[in-house]
């Protein structure tokens, strides 16, 4: 952690609700030792760490296919040799 202590960093933790206690413990430990670290965590519940700001968002919805589009992925061109 000493290598990170004086650096400005952003750490992204995704789907924390699956490991909420471990994610909260990690976040609190890192934030205690790395004052310039910022953490962006996605979760269905707050981590509960000091200084946390919760910003609720609406669930994303898939874009419905249109008549001119297909659900199949676009083909990839073979690599040129």
PDB file of N, CA and C in Angstrom:
ATOM      1  N   UNK A   1       0.803  -1.196   0.000  1.00  0.00           N
ATOM      2  CA  UNK A   1       0.000   0.000   0.000  1.00  0.00           C
ATOM      3  C   UNK A   1       0.846   1.260   0.000  1.00  0.00           C
ATOM      4  N   UNK A   2       2.078   1.149   0.472  1.00  0.00           N
ATOM      5  CA  UNK A   2       2.932   2.337   0.517  1.00  0.00           C
ATOM      6  C   UNK A   2       3.124   2.938  -0.865  1.00  0.00           C
ATOM      7  N   UNK A   3       3.171   2.087  -1.901  1.00  0.00           N
ATOM      8  CA  UNK A   3       3.374   2.572  -3.268  1.00  0.00           C
ATOM      9  C   UNK A   3       2.177   3.389  -3.761  1.00  0.00           C
ATOM     10  N   UNK A   4       1.015   3.152  -3.211  1.00  0.00           N
ATOM     11  CA  UNK A   4      -0.196   3.843  -3.655  1.00  0.00           C
ATOM     12  C   UNK A   4      -0.563   5.033  -2.784  1.00  0.00           C
ATOM     13  N   UNK A   5       0.024   5.137  -1.625  1.00  0.00           N
ATOM     14  CA  UNK A   5      -0.405   6.117  -0.623  1.00  0.00           C
ATOM     15  C   UNK A   5      -0.428   7.548  -1.120  1.00  0.00           C
ATOM     16  N   UNK A   6       0.528   7.959  -1.957  1.00  0.00           N
ATOM     17  CA  UNK A   6       0.613   9.353  -2.384  1.00  0.00           C
ATOM     18  C   UNK A   6       0.139   9.582  -3.815  1.00  0.00           C
ATOM     19  N   UNK A   7      -0.530   8.593  -4.405  1.00  0.00           N
ATOM     20  CA  UNK A   7      -0.970   8.716  -5.797  1.00  0.00           C
ATOM     21  C   UNK A   7      -2.466   8.983  -5.870  1.00  0.00           C
ATOM     22  N   UNK A   8      -2.873   9.775  -6.848  1.00  0.00           N
ATOM     23  CA  UNK A   8      -4.293   9.980  -7.122  1.00  0.00           C
ATOM     24  C   UNK A   8      -4.763   8.837  -8.006  1.00  0.00           C
ATOM     25  N   UNK A   9      -5.686   8.041  -7.495  1.00  0.00           N
ATOM     26  CA  UNK A   9      -6.146   6.861  -8.217  1.00  0.00           C
ATOM     27  C   UNK A   9      -7.658   6.729  -8.120  1.00  0.00           C
ATOM     28  N   UNK A  10      -8.228   6.048  -9.101  1.00  0.00           N
ATOM     29  CA  UNK A  10      -9.642   5.674  -9.078  1.00  0.00           C
ATOM     30  C   UNK A  10      -9.703   4.164  -9.165  1.00  0.00           C
ATOM     31  N   UNK A  11     -10.364   3.545  -8.202  1.00  0.00           N
ATOM     32  CA  UNK A  11     -10.559   2.105  -8.178  1.00  0.00           C
ATOM     33  C   UNK A  11     -12.031   1.832  -8.403  1.00  0.00           C
ATOM     34  N   UNK A  12     -12.345   0.981  -9.372  1.00  0.00           N
ATOM     35  CA  UNK A  12     -13.738   0.635  -9.667  1.00  0.00           C
ATOM     36  C   UNK A  12     -14.000  -0.765  -9.140  1.00  0.00           C
ATOM     37  N   UNK A  13     -15.002  -0.876  -8.267  1.00  0.00           N
ATOM     38  CA  UNK A  13     -15.455  -2.160  -7.736  1.00  0.00           C
ATOM     39  C   UNK A  13     -16.867  -2.385  -8.263  1.00  0.00           C
ATOM     40  N   UNK A  14     -17.061  -3.444  -9.022  1.00  0.00           N
ATOM     41  CA  UNK A  14     -18.348  -3.689  -9.683  1.00  0.00           C
ATOM     42  C   UNK A  14     -19.075  -4.859  -9.030  1.00  0.00           C
ATOM     43  N   UNK A  15     -20.397  -4.774  -8.953  1.00  0.00           N
ATOM     44  CA  UNK A  15     -21.253  -5.835  -8.394  1.00  0.00           C
ATOM     45  C   UNK A  15     -20.885  -6.175  -6.961  1.00  0.00           C
ATOM     46  N   UNK A  16     -20.710  -5.170  -6.141  1.00  0.00           N
ATOM     47  CA  UNK A  16     -20.287  -5.393  -4.759  1.00  0.00           C
ATOM     48  C   UNK A  16     -21.334  -6.101  -3.915  1.00  0.00           C
ATOM     49  N   UNK A  17     -22.586  -6.104  -4.341  1.00  0.00           N
ATOM     50  CA  UNK A  17     -23.624  -6.744  -3.531  1.00  0.00           C
ATOM     51  C   UNK A  17     -23.359  -8.239  -3.331  1.00  0.00           C
ATOM     52  N   UNK A  18     -22.573  -8.832  -4.206  1.00  0.00           N
ATOM     53  CA  UNK A  18     -22.267 -10.259  -4.092  1.00  0.00           C
ATOM     54  C   UNK A  18     -21.240 -10.532  -2.998  1.00  0.00           C
ATOM     55  N   UNK A  19     -20.443  -9.529  -2.663  1.00  0.00           N
ATOM     56  CA  UNK A  19     -19.382  -9.668  -1.652  1.00  0.00           C
ATOM     57  C   UNK A  19     -19.334  -8.399  -0.800  1.00  0.00           C
ATOM     58  N   UNK A  20     -20.496  -7.950  -0.328  1.00  0.00           N
ATOM     59  CA  UNK A  20     -20.622  -6.632   0.285  1.00  0.00           C
ATOM     60  C   UNK A  20     -19.691  -6.446   1.486  1.00  0.00           C
ATOM     61  N   UNK A  21     -19.589  -7.425   2.360  1.00  0.00           N
ATOM     62  CA  UNK A  21     -18.748  -7.258   3.549  1.00  0.00           C
ATOM     63  C   UNK A  21     -17.275  -7.164   3.185  1.00  0.00           C
ATOM     64  N   UNK A  22     -16.823  -8.012   2.277  1.00  0.00           N
ATOM     65  CA  UNK A  22     -15.418  -7.983   1.853  1.00  0.00           C
ATOM     66  C   UNK A  22     -15.108  -6.695   1.094  1.00  0.00           C
ATOM     67  N   UNK A  23     -16.028  -6.251   0.239  1.00  0.00           N
ATOM     68  CA  UNK A  23     -15.820  -5.013  -0.520  1.00  0.00           C
ATOM     69  C   UNK A  23     -15.753  -3.812   0.421  1.00  0.00           C
ATOM     70  N   UNK A  24     -16.620  -3.786   1.419  1.00  0.00           N
ATOM     71  CA  UNK A  24     -16.615  -2.685   2.387  1.00  0.00           C
ATOM     72  C   UNK A  24     -15.317  -2.673   3.190  1.00  0.00           C
ATOM     73  N   UNK A  25     -14.862  -3.853   3.620  1.00  0.00           N
ATOM     74  CA  UNK A  25     -13.618  -3.927   4.393  1.00  0.00           C
ATOM     75  C   UNK A  25     -12.424  -3.483   3.544  1.00  0.00           C
ATOM     76  N   UNK A  26     -12.386  -3.930   2.292  1.00  0.00           N
ATOM     77  CA  UNK A  26     -11.297  -3.525   1.397  1.00  0.00           C
ATOM     78  C   UNK A  26     -11.318  -2.018   1.170  1.00  0.00           C
ATOM     79  N   UNK A  27     -12.493  -1.480   0.868  1.00  0.00           N
ATOM     80  CA  UNK A  27     -12.614  -0.046   0.610  1.00  0.00           C
ATOM     81  C   UNK A  27     -12.174   0.769   1.815  1.00  0.00           C
ATOM     82  N   UNK A  28     -12.632   0.382   2.989  1.00  0.00           N
ATOM     83  CA  UNK A  28     -12.274   1.147   4.189  1.00  0.00           C
ATOM     84  C   UNK A  28     -10.774   1.072   4.472  1.00  0.00           C
ATOM     85  N   UNK A  29     -10.175  -0.092   4.318  1.00  0.00           N
ATOM     86  CA  UNK A  29      -8.734  -0.242   4.535  1.00  0.00           C
ATOM     87  C   UNK A  29      -7.945   0.612   3.554  1.00  0.00           C
ATOM     88  N   UNK A  30      -8.306   0.518   2.268  1.00  0.00           N
ATOM     89  CA  UNK A  30      -7.576   1.281   1.256  1.00  0.00           C
ATOM     90  C   UNK A  30      -7.735   2.781   1.457  1.00  0.00           C
ATOM     91  N   UNK A  31      -8.947   3.229   1.751  1.00  0.00           N
ATOM     92  CA  UNK A  31      -9.184   4.663   1.935  1.00  0.00           C
ATOM     93  C   UNK A  31      -8.471   5.200   3.170  1.00  0.00           C
ATOM     94  N   UNK A  32      -8.312   4.373   4.179  1.00  0.00           N
ATOM     95  CA  UNK A  32      -7.592   4.782   5.386  1.00  0.00           C
ATOM     96  C   UNK A  32      -6.115   5.007   5.094  1.00  0.00           C
ATOM     97  N   UNK A  33      -5.546   4.159   4.239  1.00  0.00           N
ATOM     98  CA  UNK A  33      -4.117   4.226   3.957  1.00  0.00           C
ATOM     99  C   UNK A  33      -3.751   5.044   2.710  1.00  0.00           C
ATOM    100  N   UNK A  34      -4.718   5.310   1.862  1.00  0.00           N
ATOM    101  CA  UNK A  34      -4.454   6.026   0.602  1.00  0.00           C
ATOM    102  C   UNK A  34      -5.418   7.209   0.495  1.00  0.00           C
ATOM    103  N   UNK A  35      -5.076   8.345   1.074  1.00  0.00           N
ATOM    104  CA  UNK A  35      -6.007   9.480   1.132  1.00  0.00           C
ATOM    105  C   UNK A  35      -6.390  10.069  -0.220  1.00  0.00           C
ATOM    106  N   UNK A  36      -5.602   9.843  -1.268  1.00  0.00           N
ATOM    107  CA  UNK A  36      -5.922  10.403  -2.586  1.00  0.00           C
ATOM    108  C   UNK A  36      -6.659   9.396  -3.471  1.00  0.00           C
ATOM    109  N   UNK A  37      -6.972   8.240  -2.928  1.00  0.00           N
ATOM    110  CA  UNK A  37      -7.714   7.217  -3.652  1.00  0.00           C
ATOM    111  C   UNK A  37      -9.203   7.548  -3.643  1.00  0.00           C
ATOM    112  N   UNK A  38      -9.856   7.352  -4.774  1.00  0.00           N
ATOM    113  CA  UNK A  38     -11.309   7.457  -4.886  1.00  0.00           C
ATOM    114  C   UNK A  38     -11.811   6.106  -5.364  1.00  0.00           C
ATOM    115  N   UNK A  39     -12.941   5.684  -4.822  1.00  0.00           N
ATOM    116  CA  UNK A  39     -13.515   4.389  -5.197  1.00  0.00           C
ATOM    117  C   UNK A  39     -14.895   4.618  -5.774  1.00  0.00           C
ATOM    118  N   UNK A  40     -15.136   4.023  -6.930  1.00  0.00           N
ATOM    119  CA  UNK A  40     -16.460   3.989  -7.538  1.00  0.00           C
ATOM    120  C   UNK A  40     -16.935   2.550  -7.418  1.00  0.00           C
ATOM    121  N   UNK A  41     -17.964   2.332  -6.615  1.00  0.00           N
ATOM    122  CA  UNK A  41     -18.475   0.983  -6.387  1.00  0.00           C
ATOM    123  C   UNK A  41     -19.900   0.886  -6.904  1.00  0.00           C
ATOM    124  N   UNK A  42     -20.181  -0.170  -7.638  1.00  0.00           N
ATOM    125  CA  UNK A  42     -21.554  -0.434  -8.044  1.00  0.00           C
ATOM    126  C   UNK A  42     -22.086  -1.541  -7.150  1.00  0.00           C
ATOM    127  N   UNK A  43     -23.297  -1.333  -6.638  1.00  0.00           N
ATOM    128  CA  UNK A  43     -23.892  -2.299  -5.732  1.00  0.00           C
ATOM    129  C   UNK A  43     -25.368  -1.994  -5.574  1.00  0.00           C
ATOM    130  N   UNK A  44     -26.126  -2.990  -5.227  1.00  0.00           N
ATOM    131  CA  UNK A  44     -27.550  -2.781  -4.952  1.00  0.00           C
ATOM    132  C   UNK A  44     -27.772  -2.309  -3.529  1.00  0.00           C
ATOM    133  N   UNK A  45     -26.719  -2.293  -2.736  1.00  0.00           N
ATOM    134  CA  UNK A  45     -26.800  -1.782  -1.374  1.00  0.00           C
ATOM    135  C   UNK A  45     -25.518  -1.014  -1.054  1.00  0.00           C
ATOM    136  N   UNK A  46     -25.595  -0.039  -0.159  1.00  0.00           N
ATOM    137  CA  UNK A  46     -24.413   0.761   0.173  1.00  0.00           C
ATOM    138  C   UNK A  46     -23.352  -0.077   0.883  1.00  0.00           C
ATOM    139  N   UNK A  47     -22.095   0.356   0.741  1.00  0.00           N
ATOM    140  CA  UNK A  47     -21.006  -0.329   1.438  1.00  0.00           C
ATOM    141  C   UNK A  47     -21.001   0.021   2.924  1.00  0.00           C
ATOM    142  N   UNK A  48     -21.422   1.241   3.248  1.00  0.00           N
ATOM    143  CA  UNK A  48     -21.456   1.655   4.646  1.00  0.00           C
ATOM    144  C   UNK A  48     -20.110   2.101   5.183  1.00  0.00           C
ATOM    145  N   UNK A  49     -19.243   2.618   4.306  1.00  0.00           N
ATOM    146  CA  UNK A  49     -17.934   3.091   4.747  1.00  0.00           C
ATOM    147  C   UNK A  49     -17.994   4.602   4.990  1.00  0.00           C
ATOM    148  N   UNK A  50     -17.148   5.110   5.893  1.00  0.00           N
ATOM    149  CA  UNK A  50     -17.147   6.553   6.158  1.00  0.00           C
ATOM    150  C   UNK A  50     -16.878   7.359   4.884  1.00  0.00           C
ATOM    151  N   UNK A  51     -17.632   8.423   4.689  1.00  0.00           N
ATOM    152  CA  UNK A  51     -17.452   9.293   3.535  1.00  0.00           C
ATOM    153  C   UNK A  51     -18.179   8.830   2.285  1.00  0.00           C
ATOM    154  N   UNK A  52     -18.901   7.732   2.371  1.00  0.00           N
ATOM    155  CA  UNK A  52     -19.597   7.191   1.199  1.00  0.00           C
ATOM    156  C   UNK A  52     -20.731   8.115   0.753  1.00  0.00           C
ATOM    157  N   UNK A  53     -20.858   8.292  -0.550  1.00  0.00           N
ATOM    158  CA  UNK A  53     -21.970   9.016  -1.148  1.00  0.00           C
ATOM    159  C   UNK A  53     -22.706   8.040  -2.047  1.00  0.00           C
ATOM    160  N   UNK A  54     -24.004   7.887  -1.812  1.00  0.00           N
ATOM    161  CA  UNK A  54     -24.807   6.952  -2.595  1.00  0.00           C
ATOM    162  C   UNK A  54     -25.553   7.724  -3.671  1.00  0.00           C
ATOM    163  N   UNK A  55     -25.431   7.262  -4.893  1.00  0.00           N
ATOM    164  CA  UNK A  55     -26.118   7.870  -6.023  1.00  0.00           C
ATOM    165  C   UNK A  55     -26.957   6.795  -6.709  1.00  0.00           C
ATOM    166  N   UNK A  56     -28.246   6.741  -6.389  1.00  0.00           N
ATOM    167  CA  UNK A  56     -29.103   5.722  -7.018  1.00  0.00           C
ATOM    168  C   UNK A  56     -29.231   5.970  -8.519  1.00  0.00           C
ATOM    169  N   UNK A  57     -29.394   4.895  -9.257  1.00  0.00           N
ATOM    170  CA  UNK A  57     -29.625   5.010 -10.699  1.00  0.00           C
ATOM    171  C   UNK A  57     -30.718   4.032 -11.097  1.00  0.00           C
ATOM    172  N   UNK A  58     -31.345   4.320 -12.203  1.00  0.00           N
ATOM    173  CA  UNK A  58     -32.371   3.430 -12.717  1.00  0.00           C
ATOM    174  C   UNK A  58     -31.711   2.253 -13.418  1.00  0.00           C
ATOM    175  N   UNK A  59     -32.339   1.084 -13.351  1.00  0.00           N
ATOM    176  CA  UNK A  59     -31.761  -0.054 -14.072  1.00  0.00           C
ATOM    177  C   UNK A  59     -31.743   0.218 -15.570  1.00  0.00           C
ATOM    178  N   UNK A  60     -30.700  -0.254 -16.218  1.00  0.00           N
ATOM    179  CA  UNK A  60     -30.640  -0.068 -17.670  1.00  0.00           C
ATOM    180  C   UNK A  60     -31.552  -1.087 -18.336  1.00  0.00           C
ATOM    181  N   UNK A  61     -32.109  -0.698 -19.452  1.00  0.00           N
ATOM    182  CA  UNK A  61     -32.993  -1.580 -20.202  1.00  0.00           C
ATOM    183  C   UNK A  61     -32.374  -1.838 -21.565  1.00  0.00           C
ATOM    184  N   UNK A  62     -32.443  -3.064 -22.030  1.00  0.00           N
ATOM    185  CA  UNK A  62     -31.881  -3.334 -23.351  1.00  0.00           C
ATOM    186  C   UNK A  62     -32.653  -2.590 -24.434  1.00  0.00           C
ATOM    187  N   UNK A  63     -31.949  -2.165 -25.455  1.00  0.00           N
ATOM    188  CA  UNK A  63     -32.576  -1.493 -26.581  1.00  0.00           C
ATOM    189  C   UNK A  63     -33.270  -2.547 -27.445  1.00  0.00           C
ATOM    190  N   UNK A  64     -34.556  -2.373 -27.704  1.00  0.00           N
ATOM    191  CA  UNK A  64     -35.234  -3.381 -28.521  1.00  0.00           C
ATOM    192  C   UNK A  64     -34.711  -3.353 -29.958  1.00  0.00           C
ATOM    193  N   UNK A  65     -34.620  -4.518 -30.596  1.00  0.00           N
ATOM    194  CA  UNK A  65     -34.144  -4.534 -31.993  1.00  0.00           C
ATOM    195  C   UNK A  65     -35.146  -3.842 -32.906  1.00  0.00           C
ATOM    196  N   UNK A  66     -34.644  -3.220 -33.950  1.00  0.00           N
ATOM    197  CA  UNK A  66     -35.506  -2.577 -34.938  1.00  0.00           C
ATOM    198  C   UNK A  66     -35.596  -3.473 -36.160  1.00  0.00           C
ATOM    199  N   UNK A  67     -36.469  -3.126 -37.092  1.00  0.00           N
ATOM    200  CA  UNK A  67     -36.650  -3.939 -38.297  1.00  0.00           C
ATOM    201  C   UNK A  67     -35.372  -4.017 -39.123  1.00  0.00           C
ATOM    202  N   UNK A  68     -34.538  -2.982 -39.042  1.00  0.00           N
ATOM    203  CA  UNK A  68     -33.328  -2.968 -39.854  1.00  0.00           C
ATOM    204  C   UNK A  68     -32.119  -3.557 -39.123  1.00  0.00           C
ATOM    205  N   UNK A  69     -32.310  -3.952 -37.858  1.00  0.00           N
ATOM    206  CA  UNK A  69     -31.175  -4.504 -37.124  1.00  0.00           C
ATOM    207  C   UNK A  69     -31.375  -5.983 -36.864  1.00  0.00           C
ATOM    208  N   UNK A  70     -30.314  -6.611 -36.459  1.00  0.00           N
ATOM    209  CA  UNK A  70     -30.343  -8.026 -36.166  1.00  0.00           C
ATOM    210  C   UNK A  70     -29.768  -8.247 -34.780  1.00  0.00           C
ATOM    211  N   UNK A  71     -30.175  -9.297 -34.136  1.00  0.00           N
ATOM    212  CA  UNK A  71     -29.616  -9.617 -32.823  1.00  0.00           C
ATOM    213  C   UNK A  71     -28.260 -10.281 -32.943  1.00  0.00           C
ATOM    214  N   UNK A  72     -27.899 -10.710 -34.135  1.00  0.00           N
ATOM    215  CA  UNK A  72     -26.612 -11.350 -34.337  1.00  0.00           C
ATOM    216  C   UNK A  72     -25.491 -10.316 -34.354  1.00  0.00           C
ATOM    217  N   UNK A  73     -24.329 -10.669 -33.794  1.00  0.00           N
ATOM    218  CA  UNK A  73     -23.220  -9.717 -33.838  1.00  0.00           C
ATOM    219  C   UNK A  73     -22.718  -9.513 -35.261  1.00  0.00           C
ATOM    220  N   UNK A  74     -22.156  -8.347 -35.489  1.00  0.00           N
ATOM    221  CA  UNK A  74     -21.617  -8.040 -36.814  1.00  0.00           C
ATOM    222  C   UNK A  74     -20.414  -8.939 -37.094  1.00  0.00           C
ATOM    223  N   UNK A  75     -20.260  -9.389 -38.331  1.00  0.00           N
ATOM    224  CA  UNK A  75     -19.116 -10.254 -38.636  1.00  0.00           C
ATOM    225  C   UNK A  75     -17.818  -9.458 -38.559  1.00  0.00           C
ATOM    226  N   UNK A  76     -16.769 -10.154 -38.202  1.00  0.00           N
ATOM    227  CA  UNK A  76     -15.438  -9.542 -38.105  1.00  0.00           C
ATOM    228  C   UNK A  76     -14.661  -9.860 -39.371  1.00  0.00           C
ATOM    229  N   UNK A  77     -13.908  -8.898 -39.826  1.00  0.00           N
ATOM    230  CA  UNK A  77     -13.044  -9.128 -40.992  1.00  0.00           C
ATOM    231  C   UNK A  77     -11.853  -9.934 -40.558  1.00  0.00           C
ATOM    232  N   UNK A  78     -11.405 -10.873 -41.389  1.00  0.00           N
ATOM    233  CA  UNK A  78     -10.209 -11.636 -41.028  1.00  0.00           C
ATOM    234  C   UNK A  78      -8.999 -10.723 -40.973  1.00  0.00           C
ATOM    235  N   UNK A  79      -8.041 -11.040 -40.137  1.00  0.00           N
ATOM    236  CA  UNK A  79      -6.852 -10.186 -40.044  1.00  0.00           C
ATOM    237  C   UNK A  79      -6.078 -10.196 -41.365  1.00  0.00           C
ATOM    238  N   UNK A  80      -5.564  -9.047 -41.721  1.00  0.00           N
ATOM    239  CA  UNK A  80      -4.759  -8.966 -42.940  1.00  0.00           C
ATOM    240  C   UNK A  80      -3.372  -9.536 -42.674  1.00  0.00           C
ATOM    241  N   UNK A  81      -2.819 -10.183 -43.686  1.00  0.00           N
ATOM    242  CA  UNK A  81      -1.499 -10.796 -43.493  1.00  0.00           C
ATOM    243  C   UNK A  81      -0.433 -10.044 -44.241  1.00  0.00           C
TER     244      UNK A  81
END
